PDB file of N, CA and C in Angstrom:
ATOM      1  N   MET A   1      -7.026   9.467  13.222  1.00  0.00           N
ATOM      2  CA  MET A   1      -6.494   9.171  11.896  1.00  0.00           C
ATOM      3  C   MET A   1      -4.970   9.196  11.890  1.00  0.00           C
ATOM      4  N   VAL A   2      -4.357  10.016  12.738  1.00  0.00           N
ATOM      5  CA  VAL A   2      -2.902  10.088  12.789  1.00  0.00           C
ATOM      6  C   VAL A   2      -2.331   8.742  13.214  1.00  0.00           C
ATOM      7  N   GLU A   3      -2.944   8.129  14.238  1.00  0.00           N
ATOM      8  CA  GLU A   3      -2.464   6.837  14.710  1.00  0.00           C
ATOM      9  C   GLU A   3      -2.563   5.794  13.604  1.00  0.00           C
ATOM     10  N   LYS A   4      -3.648   5.823  12.857  1.00  0.00           N
ATOM     11  CA  LYS A   4      -3.846   4.876  11.759  1.00  0.00           C
ATOM     12  C   LYS A   4      -2.761   5.069  10.703  1.00  0.00           C
ATOM     13  N   ASN A   5      -2.436   6.323  10.378  1.00  0.00           N
ATOM     14  CA  ASN A   5      -1.395   6.601   9.387  1.00  0.00           C
ATOM     15  C   ASN A   5      -0.032   6.141   9.880  1.00  0.00           C
ATOM     16  N   GLU A   6       0.238   6.343  11.186  1.00  0.00           N
ATOM     17  CA  GLU A   6       1.509   5.895  11.742  1.00  0.00           C
ATOM     18  C   GLU A   6       1.614   4.381  11.653  1.00  0.00           C
ATOM     19  N   ASN A   7       0.527   3.678  11.962  1.00  0.00           N
ATOM     20  CA  ASN A   7       0.525   2.223  11.857  1.00  0.00           C
ATOM     21  C   ASN A   7       0.704   1.787  10.413  1.00  0.00           C
ATOM     22  N   MET A   8       0.064   2.487   9.503  1.00  0.00           N
ATOM     23  CA  MET A   8       0.157   2.135   8.094  1.00  0.00           C
ATOM     24  C   MET A   8       1.583   2.324   7.591  1.00  0.00           C
ATOM     25  N   ASN A   9       2.240   3.364   8.031  1.00  0.00           N
ATOM     26  CA  ASN A   9       3.607   3.628   7.590  1.00  0.00           C
ATOM     27  C   ASN A   9       4.575   2.548   8.042  1.00  0.00           C
ATOM     28  N   SER A  10       4.208   1.799   9.084  1.00  0.00           N
ATOM     29  CA  SER A  10       5.083   0.735   9.563  1.00  0.00           C
ATOM     30  C   SER A  10       4.866  -0.571   8.801  1.00  0.00           C
ATOM     31  N   LEU A  11       3.850  -0.622   7.943  1.00  0.00           N
ATOM     32  CA  LEU A  11       3.564  -1.839   7.180  1.00  0.00           C
ATOM     33  C   LEU A  11       4.530  -1.996   6.014  1.00  0.00           C
ATOM     34  N   SER A  12       4.971  -3.227   5.801  1.00  0.00           N
ATOM     35  CA  SER A  12       5.764  -3.516   4.608  1.00  0.00           C
ATOM     36  C   SER A  12       4.822  -3.542   3.412  1.00  0.00           C
ATOM     37  N   PHE A  13       5.394  -3.577   2.224  1.00  0.00           N
ATOM     38  CA  PHE A  13       4.576  -3.652   1.012  1.00  0.00           C
ATOM     39  C   PHE A  13       3.700  -4.896   1.045  1.00  0.00           C
ATOM     40  N   GLU A  14       4.309  -6.018   1.413  1.00  0.00           N
ATOM     41  CA  GLU A  14       3.581  -7.287   1.436  1.00  0.00           C
ATOM     42  C   GLU A  14       2.441  -7.272   2.455  1.00  0.00           C
ATOM     43  N   GLN A  15       2.691  -6.696   3.622  1.00  0.00           N
ATOM     44  CA  GLN A  15       1.647  -6.615   4.646  1.00  0.00           C
ATOM     45  C   GLN A  15       0.495  -5.735   4.178  1.00  0.00           C
ATOM     46  N   ALA A  16       0.830  -4.601   3.578  1.00  0.00           N
ATOM     47  CA  ALA A  16      -0.203  -3.682   3.092  1.00  0.00           C
ATOM     48  C   ALA A  16      -1.014  -4.325   1.972  1.00  0.00           C
ATOM     49  N   LEU A  17      -0.350  -5.039   1.092  1.00  0.00           N
ATOM     50  CA  LEU A  17      -1.038  -5.708  -0.012  1.00  0.00           C
ATOM     51  C   LEU A  17      -1.978  -6.792   0.512  1.00  0.00           C
ATOM     52  N   LYS A  18      -1.546  -7.507   1.536  1.00  0.00           N
ATOM     53  CA  LYS A  18      -2.394  -8.540   2.143  1.00  0.00           C
ATOM     54  C   LYS A  18      -3.642  -7.911   2.749  1.00  0.00           C
ATOM     55  N   LYS A  19      -3.454  -6.800   3.482  1.00  0.00           N
ATOM     56  CA  LYS A  19      -4.606  -6.108   4.078  1.00  0.00           C
ATOM     57  C   LYS A  19      -5.551  -5.602   2.994  1.00  0.00           C
ATOM     58  N   LEU A  20      -4.990  -5.090   1.919  1.00  0.00           N
ATOM     59  CA  LEU A  20      -5.800  -4.589   0.811  1.00  0.00           C
ATOM     60  C   LEU A  20      -6.620  -5.719   0.186  1.00  0.00           C
ATOM     61  N   THR A  21      -5.997  -6.863   0.007  1.00  0.00           N
ATOM     62  CA  THR A  21      -6.697  -8.026  -0.543  1.00  0.00           C
ATOM     63  C   THR A  21      -7.847  -8.451   0.372  1.00  0.00           C
ATOM     64  N   GLU A  22      -7.613  -8.413   1.680  1.00  0.00           N
ATOM     65  CA  GLU A  22      -8.657  -8.769   2.647  1.00  0.00           C
ATOM     66  C   GLU A  22      -9.820  -7.782   2.587  1.00  0.00           C
ATOM     67  N   ILE A  23      -9.506  -6.505   2.440  1.00  0.00           N
ATOM     68  CA  ILE A  23     -10.548  -5.476   2.350  1.00  0.00           C
ATOM     69  C   ILE A  23     -11.401  -5.691   1.105  1.00  0.00           C
ATOM     70  N   VAL A  24     -10.747  -5.945  -0.019  1.00  0.00           N
ATOM     71  CA  VAL A  24     -11.486  -6.175  -1.269  1.00  0.00           C
ATOM     72  C   VAL A  24     -12.427  -7.366  -1.109  1.00  0.00           C
ATOM     73  N   ALA A  25     -11.935  -8.431  -0.496  1.00  0.00           N
ATOM     74  CA  ALA A  25     -12.766  -9.625  -0.299  1.00  0.00           C
ATOM     75  C   ALA A  25     -13.980  -9.315   0.577  1.00  0.00           C
ATOM     76  N   LYS A  26     -13.773  -8.528   1.640  1.00  0.00           N
ATOM     77  CA  LYS A  26     -14.889  -8.150   2.523  1.00  0.00           C
ATOM     78  C   LYS A  26     -15.945  -7.364   1.757  1.00  0.00           C
ATOM     79  N   ILE A  27     -15.496  -6.382   1.001  1.00  0.00           N
ATOM     80  CA  ILE A  27     -16.441  -5.533   0.264  1.00  0.00           C
ATOM     81  C   ILE A  27     -17.180  -6.355  -0.792  1.00  0.00           C
ATOM     82  N   GLU A  28     -16.440  -7.181  -1.521  1.00  0.00           N
ATOM     83  CA  GLU A  28     -17.057  -7.975  -2.583  1.00  0.00           C
ATOM     84  C   GLU A  28     -18.014  -9.038  -2.054  1.00  0.00           C
ATOM     85  N   SER A  29     -17.810  -9.468  -0.810  1.00  0.00           N
ATOM     86  CA  SER A  29     -18.668 -10.515  -0.244  1.00  0.00           C
ATOM     87  C   SER A  29     -20.094 -10.035  -0.008  1.00  0.00           C
ATOM     88  N   GLY A  30     -20.254  -8.722   0.166  1.00  0.00           N
ATOM     89  CA  GLY A  30     -21.576  -8.170   0.433  1.00  0.00           C
ATOM     90  C   GLY A  30     -22.065  -8.458   1.839  1.00  0.00           C
ATOM     91  N   GLN A  31     -21.193  -8.951   2.696  1.00  0.00           N
ATOM     92  CA  GLN A  31     -21.572  -9.328   4.055  1.00  0.00           C
ATOM     93  C   GLN A  31     -21.407  -8.197   5.064  1.00  0.00           C
ATOM     94  N   ILE A  32     -20.938  -7.050   4.610  1.00  0.00           N
ATOM     95  CA  ILE A  32     -20.786  -5.919   5.530  1.00  0.00           C
ATOM     96  C   ILE A  32     -21.716  -4.792   5.090  1.00  0.00           C
ATOM     97  N   SER A  33     -22.024  -3.928   6.036  1.00  0.00           N
ATOM     98  CA  SER A  33     -22.962  -2.836   5.759  1.00  0.00           C
ATOM     99  C   SER A  33     -22.335  -1.794   4.831  1.00  0.00           C
ATOM    100  N   LEU A  34     -23.178  -0.919   4.329  1.00  0.00           N
ATOM    101  CA  LEU A  34     -22.697   0.163   3.471  1.00  0.00           C
ATOM    102  C   LEU A  34     -21.694   1.027   4.227  1.00  0.00           C
ATOM    103  N   GLU A  35     -22.019   1.358   5.466  1.00  0.00           N
ATOM    104  CA  GLU A  35     -21.122   2.187   6.284  1.00  0.00           C
ATOM    105  C   GLU A  35     -19.766   1.498   6.461  1.00  0.00           C
ATOM    106  N   GLN A  36     -19.792   0.211   6.751  1.00  0.00           N
ATOM    107  CA  GLN A  36     -18.546  -0.539   6.902  1.00  0.00           C
ATOM    108  C   GLN A  36     -17.789  -0.603   5.577  1.00  0.00           C
ATOM    109  N   SER A  37     -18.521  -0.748   4.490  1.00  0.00           N
ATOM    110  CA  SER A  37     -17.893  -0.777   3.167  1.00  0.00           C
ATOM    111  C   SER A  37     -17.180   0.533   2.875  1.00  0.00           C
ATOM    112  N   LEU A  38     -17.811   1.644   3.229  1.00  0.00           N
ATOM    113  CA  LEU A  38     -17.185   2.951   3.001  1.00  0.00           C
ATOM    114  C   LEU A  38     -15.924   3.111   3.839  1.00  0.00           C
ATOM    115  N   THR A  39     -15.989   2.662   5.083  1.00  0.00           N
ATOM    116  CA  THR A  39     -14.818   2.731   5.958  1.00  0.00           C
ATOM    117  C   THR A  39     -13.693   1.866   5.403  1.00  0.00           C
ATOM    118  N   GLN A  40     -14.046   0.666   4.970  1.00  0.00           N
ATOM    119  CA  GLN A  40     -13.056  -0.240   4.394  1.00  0.00           C
ATOM    120  C   GLN A  40     -12.477   0.334   3.099  1.00  0.00           C
ATOM    121  N   TYR A  41     -13.326   0.950   2.288  1.00  0.00           N
ATOM    122  CA  TYR A  41     -12.885   1.567   1.040  1.00  0.00           C
ATOM    123  C   TYR A  41     -11.859   2.665   1.330  1.00  0.00           C
ATOM    124  N   GLU A  42     -12.162   3.484   2.322  1.00  0.00           N
ATOM    125  CA  GLU A  42     -11.246   4.566   2.695  1.00  0.00           C
ATOM    126  C   GLU A  42      -9.896   3.995   3.138  1.00  0.00           C
ATOM    127  N   GLU A  43      -9.939   2.961   3.958  1.00  0.00           N
ATOM    128  CA  GLU A  43      -8.694   2.333   4.400  1.00  0.00           C
ATOM    129  C   GLU A  43      -7.947   1.728   3.209  1.00  0.00           C
ATOM    130  N   GLY A  44      -8.688   1.122   2.299  1.00  0.00           N
ATOM    131  CA  GLY A  44      -8.075   0.547   1.104  1.00  0.00           C
ATOM    132  C   GLY A  44      -7.364   1.592   0.264  1.00  0.00           C
ATOM    133  N   MET A  45      -7.979   2.748   0.116  1.00  0.00           N
ATOM    134  CA  MET A  45      -7.351   3.821  -0.660  1.00  0.00           C
ATOM    135  C   MET A  45      -6.059   4.292   0.006  1.00  0.00           C
ATOM    136  N   GLU A  46      -6.046   4.344   1.334  1.00  0.00           N
ATOM    137  CA  GLU A  46      -4.824   4.714   2.060  1.00  0.00           C
ATOM    138  C   GLU A  46      -3.745   3.649   1.862  1.00  0.00           C
ATOM    139  N   LEU A  47      -4.153   2.392   1.865  1.00  0.00           N
ATOM    140  CA  LEU A  47      -3.196   1.306   1.635  1.00  0.00           C
ATOM    141  C   LEU A  47      -2.610   1.381   0.227  1.00  0.00           C
ATOM    142  N   ILE A  48      -3.442   1.705  -0.752  1.00  0.00           N
ATOM    143  CA  ILE A  48      -2.959   1.856  -2.131  1.00  0.00           C
ATOM    144  C   ILE A  48      -1.931   2.983  -2.202  1.00  0.00           C
ATOM    145  N   LYS A  49      -2.232   4.082  -1.562  1.00  0.00           N
ATOM    146  CA  LYS A  49      -1.308   5.223  -1.535  1.00  0.00           C
ATOM    147  C   LYS A  49       0.022   4.808  -0.893  1.00  0.00           C
ATOM    148  N   HIS A  50      -0.064   4.064   0.196  1.00  0.00           N
ATOM    149  CA  HIS A  50       1.130   3.590   0.897  1.00  0.00           C
ATOM    150  C   HIS A  50       1.955   2.669  -0.011  1.00  0.00           C
ATOM    151  N   CYS A  51       1.282   1.725  -0.673  1.00  0.00           N
ATOM    152  CA  CYS A  51       1.972   0.789  -1.570  1.00  0.00           C
ATOM    153  C   CYS A  51       2.631   1.518  -2.735  1.00  0.00           C
ATOM    154  N   ARG A  52       1.939   2.480  -3.299  1.00  0.00           N
ATOM    155  CA  ARG A  52       2.520   3.258  -4.409  1.00  0.00           C
ATOM    156  C   ARG A  52       3.786   3.986  -3.963  1.00  0.00           C
ATOM    157  N   GLY A  53       3.753   4.532  -2.754  1.00  0.00           N
ATOM    158  CA  GLY A  53       4.932   5.212  -2.222  1.00  0.00           C
ATOM    159  C   GLY A  53       6.116   4.269  -2.099  1.00  0.00           C
ATOM    160  N   ILE A  54       5.851   3.073  -1.597  1.00  0.00           N
ATOM    161  CA  ILE A  54       6.915   2.072  -1.464  1.00  0.00           C
ATOM    162  C   ILE A  54       7.458   1.698  -2.839  1.00  0.00           C
ATOM    163  N   LEU A  55       6.570   1.494  -3.801  1.00  0.00           N
ATOM    164  CA  LEU A  55       7.001   1.131  -5.155  1.00  0.00           C
ATOM    165  C   LEU A  55       7.811   2.244  -5.808  1.00  0.00           C
ATOM    166  N   GLU A  56       7.416   3.493  -5.590  1.00  0.00           N
ATOM    167  CA  GLU A  56       8.163   4.621  -6.155  1.00  0.00           C
ATOM    168  C   GLU A  56       9.571   4.678  -5.579  1.00  0.00           C
ATOM    169  N   LYS A  57       9.704   4.437  -4.268  1.00  0.00           N
ATOM    170  CA  LYS A  57      11.025   4.425  -3.640  1.00  0.00           C
ATOM    171  C   LYS A  57      11.878   3.301  -4.214  1.00  0.00           C
ATOM    172  N   ALA A  58      11.274   2.141  -4.406  1.00  0.00           N
ATOM    173  CA  ALA A  58      12.003   0.999  -4.964  1.00  0.00           C
ATOM    174  C   ALA A  58      12.458   1.299  -6.391  1.00  0.00           C
ATOM    175  N   GLU A  59      11.585   1.919  -7.165  1.00  0.00           N
ATOM    176  CA  GLU A  59      11.923   2.262  -8.545  1.00  0.00           C
ATOM    177  C   GLU A  59      13.102   3.241  -8.590  1.00  0.00           C
ATOM    178  N   LYS A  60      13.092   4.238  -7.714  1.00  0.00           N
ATOM    179  CA  LYS A  60      14.197   5.203  -7.663  1.00  0.00           C
ATOM    180  C   LYS A  60      15.497   4.508  -7.283  1.00  0.00           C
ATOM    181  N   LYS A  61      15.407   3.589  -6.326  1.00  0.00           N
ATOM    182  CA  LYS A  61      16.594   2.855  -5.886  1.00  0.00           C
ATOM    183  C   LYS A  61      17.162   2.029  -7.045  1.00  0.00           C
ATOM    184  N   ILE A  62      16.294   1.378  -7.797  1.00  0.00           N
ATOM    185  CA  ILE A  62      16.733   0.581  -8.951  1.00  0.00           C
ATOM    186  C   ILE A  62      17.403   1.471  -9.986  1.00  0.00           C
ATOM    187  N   GLU A  63      16.825   2.645 -10.239  1.00  0.00           N
ATOM    188  CA  GLU A  63      17.423   3.583 -11.197  1.00  0.00           C
ATOM    189  C   GLU A  63      18.804   4.024 -10.733  1.00  0.00           C
ATOM    190  N   GLU A  64      18.947   4.302  -9.422  1.00  0.00           N
ATOM    191  CA  GLU A  64      20.245   4.711  -8.883  1.00  0.00           C
ATOM    192  C   GLU A  64      21.276   3.599  -9.049  1.00  0.00           C
ATOM    193  N   ILE A  65      20.871   2.381  -8.744  1.00  0.00           N
ATOM    194  CA  ILE A  65      21.783   1.241  -8.871  1.00  0.00           C
ATOM    195  C   ILE A  65      22.195   1.059 -10.327  1.00  0.00           C
ATOM    196  N   SER A  66      21.246   1.169 -11.229  1.00  0.00           N
ATOM    197  CA  SER A  66      21.537   1.017 -12.660  1.00  0.00           C
ATOM    198  C   SER A  66      22.514   2.083 -13.134  1.00  0.00           C
ATOM    199  N   LYS A  67      22.317   3.324 -12.690  1.00  0.00           N
ATOM    200  CA  LYS A  67      23.221   4.407 -13.079  1.00  0.00           C
ATOM    201  C   LYS A  67      24.619   4.154 -12.548  1.00  0.00           C
ATOM    202  N   GLU A  68      24.727   3.675 -11.316  1.00  0.00           N
ATOM    203  CA  GLU A  68      26.032   3.378 -10.726  1.00  0.00           C
ATOM    204  C   GLU A  68      26.735   2.261 -11.494  1.00  0.00           C
ATOM    205  N   LYS A  69      25.987   1.252 -11.886  1.00  0.00           N
ATOM    206  CA  LYS A  69      26.571   0.137 -12.648  1.00  0.00           C
ATOM    207  C   LYS A  69      27.057   0.614 -14.013  1.00  0.00           C
ATOM    208  N   GLU A  70      26.307   1.517 -14.634  1.00  0.00           N
ATOM    209  CA  GLU A  70      26.700   2.065 -15.936  1.00  0.00           C
ATOM    210  C   GLU A  70      27.990   2.876 -15.809  1.00  0.00           C
ATOM    211  N   LYS A  71      28.143   3.607 -14.710  1.00  0.00           N
ATOM    212  CA  LYS A  71      29.352   4.409 -14.501  1.00  0.00           C
ATOM    213  C   LYS A  71      30.575   3.523 -14.320  1.00  0.00           C
ATOM    214  N   GLN A  72      30.376   2.341 -13.771  1.00  0.00           N
ATOM    215  CA  GLN A  72      31.487   1.430 -13.499  1.00  0.00           C
ATOM    216  C   GLN A  72      31.979   0.722 -14.751  1.00  0.00           C
ATOM    217  N   LYS A  73      31.223   0.749 -15.823  1.00  0.00           N
ATOM    218  CA  LYS A  73      31.631   0.058 -17.062  1.00  0.00           C
ATOM    219  C   LYS A  73      32.720   0.788 -17.781  1.00  0.00           C
TER     220      LYS A  73
END
């Protein structure tokens, strides 16, 4: 699991979102087993967590930039 997390941390937001979309399509297709669906679901939840982290960092950066611009006025 550590290796998987390290690989996930190297994914950009766009890459993680693409993988998440692919996982959803696999699960919704009904073409994979229950066990595979659970594994895919778990990976999807990790991808969501990763994406949220990236978005939170971006939001903080935007807030910092906005504060700096306000100080310059």
